[in-house]
Protein backbone atom coordinates (compact mmCIF):
# COMPACT_ATOMS: atom_id res chain seq x y z
CA VAL A 1 -3.99 10.80 0.46
CA ARG A 2 -0.94 12.97 -0.31
CA ALA A 3 2.08 11.74 -2.21
CA GLY A 4 4.38 10.02 0.24
CA THR A 5 1.67 8.98 2.73
CA PRO A 6 2.36 5.46 4.08
CA LEU A 7 -0.31 3.08 2.87
CA VAL A 8 0.92 -0.46 3.83
CA VAL A 9 3.68 -1.76 6.07
CA LEU A 10 5.08 -5.17 4.95
CA GLU A 11 7.09 -7.34 7.32
CA ALA A 12 9.71 -9.64 5.84
CA MET A 13 12.53 -11.32 7.68
CA LYS A 14 11.98 -9.24 10.79
CA MET A 15 12.23 -6.04 8.70
CA GLU A 16 9.37 -3.56 8.05
CA ILE A 17 8.95 -2.07 4.68
CA ARG A 18 6.62 0.93 4.26
CA LEU A 19 4.92 1.32 0.90
CA VAL A 20 3.90 4.97 0.31
CA ALA A 21 1.52 6.67 -2.07
CA PRO A 22 3.46 7.57 -5.32
CA PHE A 23 1.02 10.36 -6.06
CA ALA A 24 -1.84 12.33 -4.45
CA GLY A 25 -5.21 10.70 -4.79
CA ARG A 26 -7.93 8.64 -3.32
CA VAL A 27 -7.70 5.04 -2.02
CA LYS A 28 -10.03 3.20 -4.29
CA ARG A 29 -9.66 -0.25 -2.90
CA VAL A 30 -7.48 -2.22 -0.32
CA THR A 31 -7.04 -5.93 -1.23
CA CYS A 32 -5.18 -7.11 1.86
CA ALA A 33 -5.82 -7.30 5.54
CA PRO A 34 -3.53 -7.16 8.62
CA GLY A 35 -1.72 -10.48 8.98
CA ASP A 36 -2.29 -11.59 5.38
CA VAL A 37 0.61 -13.45 3.64
CA VAL A 38 1.01 -11.79 0.26
CA GLU A 39 2.81 -12.98 -2.86
CA ARG A 40 5.26 -10.88 -4.87
CA GLY A 41 3.48 -8.84 -7.58
CA ARG A 42 0.12 -8.77 -5.74
CA VAL A 43 -1.72 -5.45 -5.89
CA LEU A 44 -2.31 -4.40 -2.31
CA VAL A 45 -3.90 -0.94 -2.73
CA GLU A 46 -5.59 0.70 -5.73
CA LEU A 47 -5.23 4.51 -5.96
CA GLU A 48 -7.20 6.95 -8.01
CA ALA A 49 -5.31 10.13 -8.96
CA SER A 50 -6.65 13.45 -7.69
CA ALA A 51 -8.22 15.61 -10.44
């Protein structure tokens, strides 16, 4: 993915919050699924930096 690519959309109190890739790289792991309720501080996506 490129830096700035949307990775996850969170919904809270009828608002959508887009989480974007902070750097270019490869998605290593996704730890959530659509509809999951997630707690603050939970890792949702693991990225591996491009070489």
